[in-house]
Amino acid sequence: METSKSVTVYFDSEVHKALRLRAAALDRSVSDMVNDAVRASLAEDAEDLEAFSERRNEKSVSFETFVTGLKRRGKI
């Protein structure tokens, strides 16, 4: 069984109003919606970390070198 932790989060008043209205329209709690949003954000972070890990051994090119190459090839 999952245990819940209590935390205080301060929302901008307009964001809070929109969140409450959306929760009511979906017959969900604000807590459930915030938990889902945080989980989605953490999942995106995990995907990003995996992508960084997969590309770890790729050659790194500086921004200046990349832009110089674009100019040399007539792309900019």
PDB file of N, CA and C in Angstrom:
ATOM      1  N   MET A   1       0.831  -1.180   0.000  1.00  0.00           N
ATOM      2  CA  MET A   1       0.000   0.000   0.000  1.00  0.00           C
ATOM      3  C   MET A   1       0.878   1.246   0.000  1.00  0.00           C
ATOM      4  N   GLU A   2       0.555   2.199  -0.862  1.00  0.00           N
ATOM      5  CA  GLU A   2       1.314   3.441  -0.933  1.00  0.00           C
ATOM      6  C   GLU A   2       0.988   4.320   0.258  1.00  0.00           C
ATOM      7  N   THR A   3       2.005   4.986   0.747  1.00  0.00           N
ATOM      8  CA  THR A   3       1.757   5.973   1.792  1.00  0.00           C
ATOM      9  C   THR A   3       1.842   7.346   1.169  1.00  0.00           C
ATOM     10  N   SER A   4       1.010   8.234   1.637  1.00  0.00           N
ATOM     11  CA  SER A   4       0.990   9.599   1.122  1.00  0.00           C
ATOM     12  C   SER A   4       1.717  10.515   2.083  1.00  0.00           C
ATOM     13  N   LYS A   5       2.317  11.545   1.533  1.00  0.00           N
ATOM     14  CA  LYS A   5       2.979  12.575   2.320  1.00  0.00           C
ATOM     15  C   LYS A   5       2.268  13.893   2.070  1.00  0.00           C
ATOM     16  N   SER A   6       2.185  14.678   3.085  1.00  0.00           N
ATOM     17  CA  SER A   6       1.547  15.983   2.975  1.00  0.00           C
ATOM     18  C   SER A   6       2.614  17.034   2.677  1.00  0.00           C
ATOM     19  N   VAL A   7       2.265  17.968   1.796  1.00  0.00           N
ATOM     20  CA  VAL A   7       3.179  19.050   1.455  1.00  0.00           C
ATOM     21  C   VAL A   7       2.349  20.289   1.152  1.00  0.00           C
ATOM     22  N   THR A   8       2.905  21.434   1.426  1.00  0.00           N
ATOM     23  CA  THR A   8       2.227  22.682   1.103  1.00  0.00           C
ATOM     24  C   THR A   8       2.808  23.228  -0.187  1.00  0.00           C
ATOM     25  N   VAL A   9       1.940  23.488  -1.143  1.00  0.00           N
ATOM     26  CA  VAL A   9       2.348  24.048  -2.422  1.00  0.00           C
ATOM     27  C   VAL A   9       1.541  25.317  -2.643  1.00  0.00           C
ATOM     28  N   TYR A  10       2.205  26.369  -3.038  1.00  0.00           N
ATOM     29  CA  TYR A  10       1.528  27.630  -3.297  1.00  0.00           C
ATOM     30  C   TYR A  10       1.410  27.832  -4.802  1.00  0.00           C
ATOM     31  N   PHE A  11       0.181  27.978  -5.271  1.00  0.00           N
ATOM     32  CA  PHE A  11      -0.089  28.224  -6.684  1.00  0.00           C
ATOM     33  C   PHE A  11      -0.482  29.674  -6.879  1.00  0.00           C
ATOM     34  N   ASP A  12      -0.179  30.196  -8.038  1.00  0.00           N
ATOM     35  CA  ASP A  12      -0.737  31.474  -8.443  1.00  0.00           C
ATOM     36  C   ASP A  12      -2.258  31.326  -8.374  1.00  0.00           C
ATOM     37  N   SER A  13      -2.944  32.362  -7.962  1.00  0.00           N
ATOM     38  CA  SER A  13      -4.392  32.244  -7.744  1.00  0.00           C
ATOM     39  C   SER A  13      -5.146  31.813  -9.002  1.00  0.00           C
ATOM     40  N   GLU A  14      -4.750  32.296 -10.155  1.00  0.00           N
ATOM     41  CA  GLU A  14      -5.421  31.907 -11.396  1.00  0.00           C
ATOM     42  C   GLU A  14      -5.134  30.453 -11.756  1.00  0.00           C
ATOM     43  N   VAL A  15      -3.917  30.006 -11.511  1.00  0.00           N
ATOM     44  CA  VAL A  15      -3.569  28.605 -11.764  1.00  0.00           C
ATOM     45  C   VAL A  15      -4.368  27.709 -10.818  1.00  0.00           C
ATOM     46  N   HIS A  16      -4.479  28.117  -9.563  1.00  0.00           N
ATOM     47  CA  HIS A  16      -5.231  27.335  -8.585  1.00  0.00           C
ATOM     48  C   HIS A  16      -6.701  27.234  -8.981  1.00  0.00           C
ATOM     49  N   LYS A  17      -7.263  28.334  -9.428  1.00  0.00           N
ATOM     50  CA  LYS A  17      -8.665  28.323  -9.840  1.00  0.00           C
ATOM     51  C   LYS A  17      -8.862  27.380 -11.029  1.00  0.00           C
ATOM     52  N   ALA A  18      -7.974  27.471 -12.017  1.00  0.00           N
ATOM     53  CA  ALA A  18      -8.075  26.609 -13.190  1.00  0.00           C
ATOM     54  C   ALA A  18      -7.924  25.142 -12.787  1.00  0.00           C
ATOM     55  N   LEU A  19      -7.020  24.867 -11.878  1.00  0.00           N
ATOM     56  CA  LEU A  19      -6.805  23.500 -11.421  1.00  0.00           C
ATOM     57  C   LEU A  19      -8.032  22.959 -10.699  1.00  0.00           C
ATOM     58  N   ARG A  20      -8.622  23.768  -9.825  1.00  0.00           N
ATOM     59  CA  ARG A  20      -9.831  23.336  -9.119  1.00  0.00           C
ATOM     60  C   ARG A  20     -10.986  23.089 -10.082  1.00  0.00           C
ATOM     61  N   LEU A  21     -11.148  23.984 -11.052  1.00  0.00           N
ATOM     62  CA  LEU A  21     -12.227  23.815 -12.035  1.00  0.00           C
ATOM     63  C   LEU A  21     -12.014  22.560 -12.874  1.00  0.00           C
ATOM     64  N   ARG A  22     -10.782  22.337 -13.289  1.00  0.00           N
ATOM     65  CA  ARG A  22     -10.474  21.149 -14.096  1.00  0.00           C
ATOM     66  C   ARG A  22     -10.697  19.876 -13.283  1.00  0.00           C
ATOM     67  N   ALA A  23     -10.264  19.896 -12.038  1.00  0.00           N
ATOM     68  CA  ALA A  23     -10.459  18.731 -11.169  1.00  0.00           C
ATOM     69  C   ALA A  23     -11.941  18.428 -10.992  1.00  0.00           C
ATOM     70  N   ALA A  24     -12.731  19.459 -10.789  1.00  0.00           N
ATOM     71  CA  ALA A  24     -14.178  19.264 -10.621  1.00  0.00           C
ATOM     72  C   ALA A  24     -14.803  18.721 -11.907  1.00  0.00           C
ATOM     73  N   ALA A  25     -14.373  19.253 -13.043  1.00  0.00           N
ATOM     74  CA  ALA A  25     -14.928  18.799 -14.326  1.00  0.00           C
ATOM     75  C   ALA A  25     -14.600  17.331 -14.585  1.00  0.00           C
ATOM     76  N   LEU A  26     -13.456  16.878 -14.101  1.00  0.00           N
ATOM     77  CA  LEU A  26     -13.033  15.494 -14.323  1.00  0.00           C
ATOM     78  C   LEU A  26     -13.407  14.583 -13.161  1.00  0.00           C
ATOM     79  N   ASP A  27     -14.048  15.157 -12.148  1.00  0.00           N
ATOM     80  CA  ASP A  27     -14.419  14.406 -10.938  1.00  0.00           C
ATOM     81  C   ASP A  27     -13.191  13.741 -10.322  1.00  0.00           C
ATOM     82  N   ARG A  28     -12.135  14.546 -10.204  1.00  0.00           N
ATOM     83  CA  ARG A  28     -10.874  14.083  -9.621  1.00  0.00           C
ATOM     84  C   ARG A  28     -10.462  15.050  -8.533  1.00  0.00           C
ATOM     85  N   SER A  29      -9.552  14.632  -7.695  1.00  0.00           N
ATOM     86  CA  SER A  29      -9.033  15.535  -6.671  1.00  0.00           C
ATOM     87  C   SER A  29      -7.861  16.336  -7.239  1.00  0.00           C
ATOM     88  N   VAL A  30      -7.643  17.503  -6.666  1.00  0.00           N
ATOM     89  CA  VAL A  30      -6.494  18.315  -7.057  1.00  0.00           C
ATOM     90  C   VAL A  30      -5.210  17.529  -6.773  1.00  0.00           C
ATOM     91  N   SER A  31      -5.170  16.836  -5.644  1.00  0.00           N
ATOM     92  CA  SER A  31      -3.983  16.047  -5.295  1.00  0.00           C
ATOM     93  C   SER A  31      -3.673  15.006  -6.358  1.00  0.00           C
ATOM     94  N   ASP A  32      -4.691  14.297  -6.829  1.00  0.00           N
ATOM     95  CA  ASP A  32      -4.474  13.292  -7.873  1.00  0.00           C
ATOM     96  C   ASP A  32      -3.939  13.930  -9.149  1.00  0.00           C
ATOM     97  N   MET A  33      -4.488  15.075  -9.507  1.00  0.00           N
ATOM     98  CA  MET A  33      -4.038  15.744 -10.730  1.00  0.00           C
ATOM     99  C   MET A  33      -2.594  16.228 -10.596  1.00  0.00           C
ATOM    100  N   VAL A  34      -2.246  16.780  -9.436  1.00  0.00           N
ATOM    101  CA  VAL A  34      -0.876  17.248  -9.223  1.00  0.00           C
ATOM    102  C   VAL A  34       0.084  16.060  -9.217  1.00  0.00           C
ATOM    103  N   ASN A  35      -0.301  14.964  -8.554  1.00  0.00           N
ATOM    104  CA  ASN A  35       0.536  13.766  -8.556  1.00  0.00           C
ATOM    105  C   ASN A  35       0.779  13.275  -9.979  1.00  0.00           C
ATOM    106  N   ASP A  36      -0.272  13.224 -10.795  1.00  0.00           N
ATOM    107  CA  ASP A  36      -0.124  12.781 -12.182  1.00  0.00           C
ATOM    108  C   ASP A  36       0.804  13.699 -12.968  1.00  0.00           C
ATOM    109  N   ALA A  37       0.668  15.007 -12.752  1.00  0.00           N
ATOM    110  CA  ALA A  37       1.516  15.966 -13.464  1.00  0.00           C
ATOM    111  C   ALA A  37       2.982  15.813 -13.055  1.00  0.00           C
ATOM    112  N   VAL A  38       3.229  15.621 -11.784  1.00  0.00           N
ATOM    113  CA  VAL A  38       4.604  15.438 -11.309  1.00  0.00           C
ATOM    114  C   VAL A  38       5.168  14.132 -11.843  1.00  0.00           C
ATOM    115  N   ARG A  39       4.378  13.064 -11.820  1.00  0.00           N
ATOM    116  CA  ARG A  39       4.834  11.781 -12.372  1.00  0.00           C
ATOM    117  C   ARG A  39       5.201  11.924 -13.852  1.00  0.00           C
ATOM    118  N   ALA A  40       4.364  12.639 -14.610  1.00  0.00           N
ATOM    119  CA  ALA A  40       4.635  12.836 -16.039  1.00  0.00           C
ATOM    120  C   ALA A  40       5.935  13.608 -16.237  1.00  0.00           C
ATOM    121  N   SER A  41       6.158  14.623 -15.422  1.00  0.00           N
ATOM    122  CA  SER A  41       7.388  15.399 -15.519  1.00  0.00           C
ATOM    123  C   SER A  41       8.607  14.547 -15.182  1.00  0.00           C
ATOM    124  N   LEU A  42       8.498  13.741 -14.133  1.00  0.00           N
ATOM    125  CA  LEU A  42       9.605  12.853 -13.761  1.00  0.00           C
ATOM    126  C   LEU A  42       9.861  11.802 -14.841  1.00  0.00           C
ATOM    127  N   ALA A  43       8.813  11.313 -15.488  1.00  0.00           N
ATOM    128  CA  ALA A  43       8.972  10.347 -16.577  1.00  0.00           C
ATOM    129  C   ALA A  43       9.716  10.985 -17.743  1.00  0.00           C
ATOM    130  N   GLU A  44       9.406  12.239 -18.054  1.00  0.00           N
ATOM    131  CA  GLU A  44      10.126  12.951 -19.111  1.00  0.00           C
ATOM    132  C   GLU A  44      11.592  13.095 -18.746  1.00  0.00           C
ATOM    133  N   ASP A  45      11.871  13.416 -17.470  1.00  0.00           N
ATOM    134  CA  ASP A  45      13.254  13.527 -17.020  1.00  0.00           C
ATOM    135  C   ASP A  45      13.982  12.197 -17.195  1.00  0.00           C
ATOM    136  N   ALA A  46      13.313  11.101 -16.850  1.00  0.00           N
ATOM    137  CA  ALA A  46      13.923   9.775 -16.995  1.00  0.00           C
ATOM    138  C   ALA A  46      14.234   9.479 -18.454  1.00  0.00           C
ATOM    139  N   GLU A  47      13.323   9.848 -19.360  1.00  0.00           N
ATOM    140  CA  GLU A  47      13.567   9.654 -20.792  1.00  0.00           C
ATOM    141  C   GLU A  47      14.758  10.479 -21.254  1.00  0.00           C
ATOM    142  N   ASP A  48      14.836  11.733 -20.781  1.00  0.00           N
ATOM    143  CA  ASP A  48      15.965  12.596 -21.146  1.00  0.00           C
ATOM    144  C   ASP A  48      17.282  12.002 -20.650  1.00  0.00           C
ATOM    145  N   LEU A  49      17.292  11.522 -19.404  1.00  0.00           N
ATOM    146  CA  LEU A  49      18.512  10.931 -18.854  1.00  0.00           C
ATOM    147  C   LEU A  49      18.935   9.704 -19.651  1.00  0.00           C
ATOM    148  N   GLU A  50      17.953   8.906 -20.074  1.00  0.00           N
ATOM    149  CA  GLU A  50      18.263   7.731 -20.888  1.00  0.00           C
ATOM    150  C   GLU A  50      18.855   8.150 -22.231  1.00  0.00           C
ATOM    151  N   ALA A  51      18.285   9.179 -22.841  1.00  0.00           N
ATOM    152  CA  ALA A  51      18.804   9.663 -24.126  1.00  0.00           C
ATOM    153  C   ALA A  51      20.221  10.200 -23.968  1.00  0.00           C
ATOM    154  N   PHE A  52      20.472  10.933 -22.881  1.00  0.00           N
ATOM    155  CA  PHE A  52      21.829  11.435 -22.639  1.00  0.00           C
ATOM    156  C   PHE A  52      22.803  10.276 -22.476  1.00  0.00           C
ATOM    157  N   SER A  53      22.372   9.254 -21.761  1.00  0.00           N
ATOM    158  CA  SER A  53      23.217   8.089 -21.527  1.00  0.00           C
ATOM    159  C   SER A  53      23.540   7.390 -22.846  1.00  0.00           C
ATOM    160  N   GLU A  54      22.545   7.249 -23.716  1.00  0.00           N
ATOM    161  CA  GLU A  54      22.750   6.586 -25.002  1.00  0.00           C
ATOM    162  C   GLU A  54      23.707   7.372 -25.900  1.00  0.00           C
ATOM    163  N   ARG A  55      23.730   8.692 -25.736  1.00  0.00           N
ATOM    164  CA  ARG A  55      24.554   9.541 -26.609  1.00  0.00           C
ATOM    165  C   ARG A  55      25.875   9.936 -25.959  1.00  0.00           C
ATOM    166  N   ARG A  56      26.162   9.355 -24.809  1.00  0.00           N
ATOM    167  CA  ARG A  56      27.345   9.725 -24.034  1.00  0.00           C
ATOM    168  C   ARG A  56      28.629   9.660 -24.847  1.00  0.00           C
ATOM    169  N   ASN A  57      28.758   8.685 -25.725  1.00  0.00           N
ATOM    170  CA  ASN A  57      30.008   8.474 -26.458  1.00  0.00           C
ATOM    171  C   ASN A  57      30.065   9.218 -27.790  1.00  0.00           C
ATOM    172  N   GLU A  58      29.029   9.983 -28.120  1.00  0.00           N
ATOM    173  CA  GLU A  58      29.061  10.751 -29.364  1.00  0.00           C
ATOM    174  C   GLU A  58      30.067  11.892 -29.260  1.00  0.00           C
ATOM    175  N   LYS A  59      30.650  12.206 -30.389  1.00  0.00           N
ATOM    176  CA  LYS A  59      31.594  13.307 -30.444  1.00  0.00           C
ATOM    177  C   LYS A  59      30.858  14.616 -30.149  1.00  0.00           C
ATOM    178  N   SER A  60      31.474  15.448 -29.334  1.00  0.00           N
ATOM    179  CA  SER A  60      30.899  16.739 -28.979  1.00  0.00           C
ATOM    180  C   SER A  60      31.425  17.814 -29.938  1.00  0.00           C
ATOM    181  N   VAL A  61      30.530  18.694 -30.366  1.00  0.00           N
ATOM    182  CA  VAL A  61      30.902  19.788 -31.255  1.00  0.00           C
ATOM    183  C   VAL A  61      30.463  21.087 -30.587  1.00  0.00           C
ATOM    184  N   SER A  62      31.366  22.043 -30.523  1.00  0.00           N
ATOM    185  CA  SER A  62      31.016  23.322 -29.904  1.00  0.00           C
ATOM    186  C   SER A  62      30.040  24.084 -30.798  1.00  0.00           C
ATOM    187  N   PHE A  63      29.292  24.971 -30.194  1.00  0.00           N
ATOM    188  CA  PHE A  63      28.339  25.788 -30.930  1.00  0.00           C
ATOM    189  C   PHE A  63      29.052  26.592 -32.012  1.00  0.00           C
ATOM    190  N   GLU A  64      30.176  27.174 -31.656  1.00  0.00           N
ATOM    191  CA  GLU A  64      30.920  28.003 -32.611  1.00  0.00           C
ATOM    192  C   GLU A  64      31.362  27.182 -33.817  1.00  0.00           C
ATOM    193  N   THR A  65      31.851  25.977 -33.576  1.00  0.00           N
ATOM    194  CA  THR A  65      32.281  25.097 -34.669  1.00  0.00           C
ATOM    195  C   THR A  65      31.104  24.716 -35.551  1.00  0.00           C
ATOM    196  N   PHE A  66      29.973  24.421 -34.931  1.00  0.00           N
ATOM    197  CA  PHE A  66      28.781  24.039 -35.685  1.00  0.00           C
ATOM    198  C   PHE A  66      28.306  25.182 -36.577  1.00  0.00           C
ATOM    199  N   VAL A  67      28.241  26.398 -36.022  1.00  0.00           N
ATOM    200  CA  VAL A  67      27.787  27.558 -36.793  1.00  0.00           C
ATOM    201  C   VAL A  67      28.767  27.868 -37.913  1.00  0.00           C
ATOM    202  N   THR A  68      30.061  27.749 -37.636  1.00  0.00           N
ATOM    203  CA  THR A  68      31.069  27.976 -38.674  1.00  0.00           C
ATOM    204  C   THR A  68      30.885  26.986 -39.819  1.00  0.00           C
ATOM    205  N   GLY A  69      30.586  25.726 -39.488  1.00  0.00           N
ATOM    206  CA  GLY A  69      30.346  24.712 -40.509  1.00  0.00           C
ATOM    207  C   GLY A  69      29.111  25.022 -41.335  1.00  0.00           C
ATOM    208  N   LEU A  70      28.049  25.498 -40.689  1.00  0.00           N
ATOM    209  CA  LEU A  70      26.840  25.893 -41.426  1.00  0.00           C
ATOM    210  C   LEU A  70      27.148  27.005 -42.412  1.00  0.00           C
ATOM    211  N   LYS A  71      27.925  27.988 -41.957  1.00  0.00           N
ATOM    212  CA  LYS A  71      28.282  29.108 -42.826  1.00  0.00           C
ATOM    213  C   LYS A  71      29.161  28.638 -43.990  1.00  0.00           C
ATOM    214  N   ARG A  72      30.122  27.769 -43.708  1.00  0.00           N
ATOM    215  CA  ARG A  72      31.021  27.259 -44.742  1.00  0.00           C
ATOM    216  C   ARG A  72      30.258  26.477 -45.814  1.00  0.00           C
ATOM    217  N   ARG A  73      29.195  25.752 -45.394  1.00  0.00           N
ATOM    218  CA  ARG A  73      28.405  24.967 -46.351  1.00  0.00           C
ATOM    219  C   ARG A  73      27.297  25.788 -46.995  1.00  0.00           C
ATOM    220  N   GLY A  74      27.226  27.087 -46.694  1.00  0.00           N
ATOM    221  CA  GLY A  74      26.231  27.966 -47.307  1.00  0.00           C
ATOM    222  C   GLY A  74      24.819  27.783 -46.757  1.00  0.00           C
ATOM    223  N   LYS A  75      24.696  27.227 -45.586  1.00  0.00           N
ATOM    224  CA  LYS A  75      23.372  27.010 -44.982  1.00  0.00           C
ATOM    225  C   LYS A  75      22.869  28.262 -44.273  1.00  0.00           C
ATOM    226  N   ILE A  76      23.789  29.116 -43.885  1.00  0.00           N
ATOM    227  CA  ILE A  76      23.391  30.418 -43.271  1.00  0.00           C
ATOM    228  C   ILE A  76      24.216  31.531 -43.860  1.00  0.00           C
TER     229      ILE A  76
END
